[in-house]
Amino acid sequence: MTIEIHEKAAIGFDRASDAYESGRPDYPVEAIDFLVKQFDIKPSSQMVDLAAGTGKFTKYLFPFNNHVIAIEPVERMRQKFSSLYPAMQVLNGSAEYIPVVTESIDVVTVAQGFHWFNGEKALSEIRRVLKPKGKLGLIWNVRDESVSWVRELSQIIDPYEGSTPRYTSMIWKEAFDDTPYFSPLRHSVFTYTHISTIETILDRVNSISFISALPEQDKKYVATQVKRLIENHPSTRNLAQIPFPYLTHIYCTEKLLS
């Protein structure tokens, strides 16, 4: 099997590993605790974290379970992961090609990633590696656009989206509509505030695949617009520390028996 990765993800995330680590938000403790309880994660559980990136989510699993295998197809992301978390295992692979033994895994997690996958192939491969009644958890941090400055930030970013896969399109859910492999998705939402600066907000924007993949001139123009917004918006101007609000969406499902 070959490792599949969307072209925008391959280019954008290859360029953005440092910005990804600096600018991407962490996850609310309540959401992690919820997932651990929902999936009954124990120290003995065998786990895979797909599309692990720089380890932003994987690091939260490791204290509960040191059997977590991180899977990441972008080399520079794996390098960043290994430099930050040398005690954790990260392998080259993808959702369509998970380099672990059939029916050996209790829990698979995917943070900020399932919308990039070939849904049908990914679910087939995830089903292969999961034990009977194994669990799958999907997690996304989504900017809370009910807040005016965040909504204006999205208005700067979104024109560059093109056909790039995104969580908010909900196209990714189509893979679950008719799948015989998994139970219906159960959805939960948590709030989270990521304390940021102008610099980390710029990194957050630059960590977006389709922004990172832009020509340098276009990236500089986006950065100028973002900086102007943060410096002038009444909710953010003159703040050294800027509360950046997110909604953390979690979807849980279970492998169905054949």
Protein backbone atom coordinates (compact mmCIF):
# COMPACT_ATOMS: atom_id res chain seq x y z
CA MET A 1 0.00 0.00 0.00
CA THR A 2 1.09 3.58 -0.63
CA ILE A 3 0.85 6.49 1.78
CA GLU A 4 -1.84 8.92 0.63
CA ILE A 5 -1.77 12.61 1.53
CA HIS A 6 -3.64 15.56 0.05
CA GLU A 7 -1.36 17.85 -1.98
CA LYS A 8 -2.28 20.96 0.05
CA ALA A 9 -1.54 19.10 3.28
CA ALA A 10 1.78 17.79 1.96
CA ILE A 11 2.99 21.24 0.90
CA GLY A 12 1.41 23.37 3.61
CA PHE A 13 2.27 21.25 6.64
CA ASP A 14 5.77 20.55 5.37
CA ARG A 15 6.41 24.29 5.47
CA ALA A 16 4.52 24.98 8.69
CA SER A 17 5.76 22.59 11.39
CA ASP A 18 7.21 25.38 13.57
CA ALA A 19 4.18 27.64 13.12
CA TYR A 20 1.89 24.67 13.81
CA GLU A 21 3.54 23.95 17.14
CA SER A 22 3.63 27.62 18.14
CA GLY A 23 0.23 28.77 16.97
CA ARG A 24 -2.15 25.83 17.21
CA PRO A 25 -4.22 25.70 20.40
CA ASP A 26 -4.01 23.01 23.04
CA TYR A 27 -7.09 21.06 24.13
CA PRO A 28 -9.36 21.54 27.15
CA VAL A 29 -8.65 19.17 30.03
CA GLU A 30 -12.40 18.43 30.25
CA ALA A 31 -12.40 17.15 26.67
CA ILE A 32 -9.43 14.85 27.29
CA ASP A 33 -11.00 13.48 30.49
CA PHE A 34 -14.26 12.92 28.62
CA LEU A 35 -12.51 10.94 25.90
CA VAL A 36 -10.53 8.84 28.38
CA LYS A 37 -13.73 7.93 30.24
CA GLN A 38 -15.79 7.34 27.08
CA PHE A 39 -13.19 4.93 25.72
CA ASP A 40 -12.15 3.47 29.07
CA ILE A 41 -8.50 4.17 28.27
CA LYS A 42 -6.18 2.27 30.61
CA PRO A 43 -2.39 2.04 30.89
CA SER A 44 -2.64 -1.29 29.07
CA SER A 45 -4.74 0.02 26.16
CA GLN A 46 -3.14 -0.16 22.73
CA MET A 47 -3.64 3.18 20.97
CA VAL A 48 -2.97 4.90 17.64
CA ASP A 49 -3.14 8.66 17.08
CA LEU A 50 -3.52 9.36 13.35
CA ALA A 51 -2.31 12.55 11.64
CA ALA A 52 -0.42 13.32 14.84
CA GLY A 53 1.39 16.37 13.44
CA THR A 54 3.78 17.80 16.01
CA GLY A 55 2.11 15.94 18.87
CA LYS A 56 -0.32 18.70 19.94
CA PHE A 57 -2.95 16.10 20.85
CA THR A 58 -0.82 12.96 21.31
CA LYS A 59 0.94 14.50 24.31
CA TYR A 60 -2.36 14.51 26.22
CA LEU A 61 -2.81 10.76 25.76
CA PHE A 62 0.67 9.76 26.87
CA PRO A 63 0.15 10.39 30.64
CA PHE A 64 -2.82 7.98 30.57
CA ASN A 65 -1.20 5.44 28.30
CA ASN A 66 2.40 5.09 27.15
CA HIS A 67 1.44 2.59 24.42
CA VAL A 68 0.33 5.38 22.07
CA ILE A 69 1.69 5.04 18.53
CA ALA A 70 1.62 8.32 16.62
CA ILE A 71 1.19 8.13 12.84
CA GLU A 72 2.16 11.12 10.68
CA PRO A 73 2.84 11.22 6.90
CA VAL A 74 4.68 14.59 6.72
CA GLU A 75 8.39 14.16 7.43
CA ARG A 76 9.00 17.60 8.94
CA MET A 77 6.06 17.15 11.25
CA ARG A 78 7.51 13.81 12.41
CA GLN A 79 10.89 15.45 12.96
CA LYS A 80 9.30 18.19 15.07
CA PHE A 81 7.31 15.59 17.00
CA SER A 82 10.41 13.54 17.78
CA SER A 83 12.40 16.61 18.87
CA LEU A 84 9.63 17.63 21.28
CA TYR A 85 8.63 14.19 22.58
CA PRO A 86 11.53 11.75 22.21
CA ALA A 87 9.87 9.26 24.56
CA MET A 88 6.88 8.83 22.22
CA GLN A 89 6.82 6.69 19.10
CA VAL A 90 5.95 8.33 15.79
CA LEU A 91 5.78 6.34 12.55
CA ASN A 92 5.44 7.22 8.87
CA GLY A 93 1.95 6.29 7.75
CA SER A 94 -1.53 7.58 7.03
CA ALA A 95 -5.16 6.79 7.77
CA GLU A 96 -5.25 4.73 4.58
CA TYR A 97 -2.07 2.88 5.54
CA ILE A 98 -1.62 2.29 9.28
CA PRO A 99 1.57 0.28 9.90
CA VAL A 100 0.27 -1.88 12.76
CA VAL A 101 -1.00 -5.46 13.04
CA THR A 102 -4.63 -6.32 12.26
CA GLU A 103 -6.99 -6.17 15.27
CA SER A 104 -4.23 -5.05 17.63
CA ILE A 105 -5.54 -1.60 18.67
CA ASP A 106 -8.12 -0.66 21.31
CA VAL A 107 -8.50 3.04 20.48
CA VAL A 108 -7.77 5.19 17.42
CA THR A 109 -7.85 8.98 17.71
CA VAL A 110 -7.68 11.65 15.02
CA ALA A 111 -7.23 15.32 15.99
CA GLN A 112 -7.67 18.01 13.33
CA GLY A 113 -7.28 15.44 10.60
CA PHE A 114 -10.20 13.31 9.42
CA HIS A 115 -11.40 15.90 6.88
CA TRP A 116 -8.11 15.31 4.99
CA PHE A 117 -8.67 11.56 4.66
CA ASN A 118 -10.16 9.43 1.92
CA GLY A 119 -13.09 8.63 4.20
CA GLU A 120 -14.07 5.23 2.83
CA LYS A 121 -10.51 3.91 2.66
CA ALA A 122 -9.64 5.37 6.06
CA LEU A 123 -12.60 3.75 7.81
CA SER A 124 -11.78 0.41 6.21
CA GLU A 125 -8.16 0.62 7.40
CA ILE A 126 -9.10 1.88 10.87
CA ARG A 127 -11.56 -1.02 11.15
CA ARG A 128 -8.78 -3.43 10.18
CA VAL A 129 -6.44 -2.35 12.98
CA LEU A 130 -9.09 -2.05 15.70
CA LYS A 131 -9.95 -4.96 17.97
CA PRO A 132 -13.61 -6.07 18.06
CA LYS A 133 -15.63 -3.19 19.59
CA GLY A 134 -12.56 -0.95 19.34
CA LYS A 135 -13.16 2.79 19.60
CA LEU A 136 -12.58 5.72 17.22
CA GLY A 137 -12.47 9.33 18.40
CA LEU A 138 -12.37 12.41 16.14
CA ILE A 139 -11.41 15.78 17.62
CA TRP A 140 -11.38 19.28 16.19
CA ASN A 141 -10.59 22.67 17.71
CA VAL A 142 -12.69 25.18 15.73
CA ARG A 143 -12.41 28.95 15.98
CA ASP A 144 -15.45 30.39 17.79
CA GLU A 145 -16.80 32.80 15.18
CA SER A 146 -19.56 34.04 17.49
CA VAL A 147 -16.80 36.39 18.75
CA SER A 148 -16.53 39.38 16.41
CA TRP A 149 -12.75 39.61 16.00
CA VAL A 150 -12.52 35.87 15.34
CA ARG A 151 -15.23 36.16 12.72
CA GLU A 152 -13.27 38.98 11.07
CA LEU A 153 -10.12 36.85 11.21
CA SER A 154 -11.95 34.12 9.30
CA GLN A 155 -13.04 36.68 6.72
CA ILE A 156 -9.35 37.38 6.03
CA ILE A 157 -8.45 33.69 5.80
CA ASP A 158 -11.39 32.06 4.04
CA PRO A 159 -10.99 33.63 0.55
CA TYR A 160 -7.82 31.56 0.12
CA GLU A 161 -9.51 28.25 0.98
CA GLY A 162 -10.40 27.15 -2.52
CA SER A 163 -11.29 23.46 -2.56
CA THR A 164 -9.14 22.62 0.46
CA PRO A 165 -10.87 20.04 2.72
CA ARG A 166 -12.04 21.55 6.01
CA TYR A 167 -13.92 20.32 9.06
CA THR A 168 -16.60 23.01 8.73
CA SER A 169 -17.68 21.76 5.30
CA MET A 170 -18.94 18.56 7.00
CA ILE A 171 -18.20 16.64 3.80
CA TRP A 172 -16.01 14.33 5.89
CA LYS A 173 -19.14 13.02 7.66
CA GLU A 174 -20.42 11.44 4.45
CA ALA A 175 -18.05 8.50 5.00
CA PHE A 176 -19.99 7.64 8.16
CA ASP A 177 -23.48 7.89 6.64
CA ASP A 178 -23.62 4.41 5.12
CA THR A 179 -20.61 2.69 6.65
CA PRO A 180 -21.20 -0.88 7.84
CA TYR A 181 -18.05 -0.65 9.96
CA PHE A 182 -18.93 1.80 12.75
CA SER A 183 -21.80 2.84 15.01
CA PRO A 184 -23.45 6.28 14.55
CA LEU A 185 -21.28 9.22 15.62
CA ARG A 186 -21.91 10.69 19.08
CA HIS A 187 -21.11 14.40 19.21
CA SER A 188 -19.97 16.49 22.21
CA VAL A 189 -18.72 20.09 22.37
CA PHE A 190 -16.40 21.81 24.86
CA THR A 191 -15.23 25.40 25.10
CA TYR A 192 -11.59 26.41 25.27
CA THR A 193 -9.70 29.70 25.44
CA HIS A 194 -6.16 29.73 24.09
CA ILE A 195 -4.14 32.62 25.53
CA SER A 196 -2.30 34.08 22.55
CA THR A 197 -0.18 37.01 21.37
CA ILE A 198 -0.07 38.76 18.00
CA GLU A 199 2.90 36.53 17.14
CA THR A 200 1.16 33.25 18.02
CA ILE A 201 -2.00 34.33 16.19
CA LEU A 202 0.13 34.99 13.11
CA ASP A 203 1.63 31.51 13.58
CA ARG A 204 -1.89 30.10 13.94
CA VAL A 205 -2.83 31.60 10.59
CA ASN A 206 0.42 30.49 8.95
CA SER A 207 -0.15 26.93 10.20
CA ILE A 208 -3.26 26.66 8.01
CA SER A 209 -2.30 24.47 5.07
CA PHE A 210 -3.68 26.65 2.28
CA ILE A 211 -2.14 29.79 3.81
CA SER A 212 1.25 28.14 4.31
CA ALA A 213 1.18 26.95 0.69
CA LEU A 214 0.68 30.49 -0.68
CA PRO A 215 3.45 32.42 -2.45
CA GLU A 216 5.48 34.55 -0.03
CA GLN A 217 3.98 37.83 -1.26
CA ASP A 218 0.45 36.59 -0.58
CA LYS A 219 1.42 35.27 2.85
CA LYS A 220 2.88 38.65 3.76
CA TYR A 221 -0.34 40.36 2.66
CA VAL A 222 -2.42 38.02 4.83
CA ALA A 223 -0.08 38.63 7.78
CA THR A 224 -0.42 42.40 7.34
CA GLN A 225 -4.22 42.14 7.38
CA VAL A 226 -4.22 39.92 10.46
CA LYS A 227 -1.83 42.18 12.35
CA ARG A 228 -3.94 45.24 11.48
CA LEU A 229 -7.08 43.48 12.74
CA ILE A 230 -5.50 42.50 16.08
CA GLU A 231 -3.95 45.92 16.62
CA ASN A 232 -7.17 47.83 15.89
CA HIS A 233 -10.10 45.68 16.99
CA PRO A 234 -11.58 46.99 20.28
CA SER A 235 -11.51 43.48 21.78
CA THR A 236 -7.81 42.86 21.09
CA ARG A 237 -5.94 46.16 20.71
CA ASN A 238 -3.37 47.00 23.39
CA LEU A 239 -3.58 43.48 24.83
CA ALA A 240 -0.30 41.66 25.48
CA GLN A 241 -2.27 38.43 26.04
CA ILE A 242 -5.26 37.83 23.80
CA PRO A 243 -7.98 35.29 24.68
CA PHE A 244 -8.57 33.24 21.52
CA PRO A 245 -11.86 31.32 21.88
CA TYR A 246 -12.38 27.85 20.42
CA LEU A 247 -15.04 25.17 20.39
CA THR A 248 -13.66 21.64 20.75
CA HIS A 249 -15.80 19.10 18.90
CA ILE A 250 -15.48 15.40 19.76
CA TYR A 251 -17.11 12.57 17.81
CA CYS A 252 -17.09 9.04 19.25
CA THR A 253 -17.92 5.78 17.50
CA GLU A 254 -17.29 2.06 17.91
CA LYS A 255 -16.28 -0.70 15.51
CA LEU A 256 -19.25 -2.90 14.71
CA LEU A 257 -18.90 -6.66 14.87
CA SER A 258 -19.00 -8.42 11.50
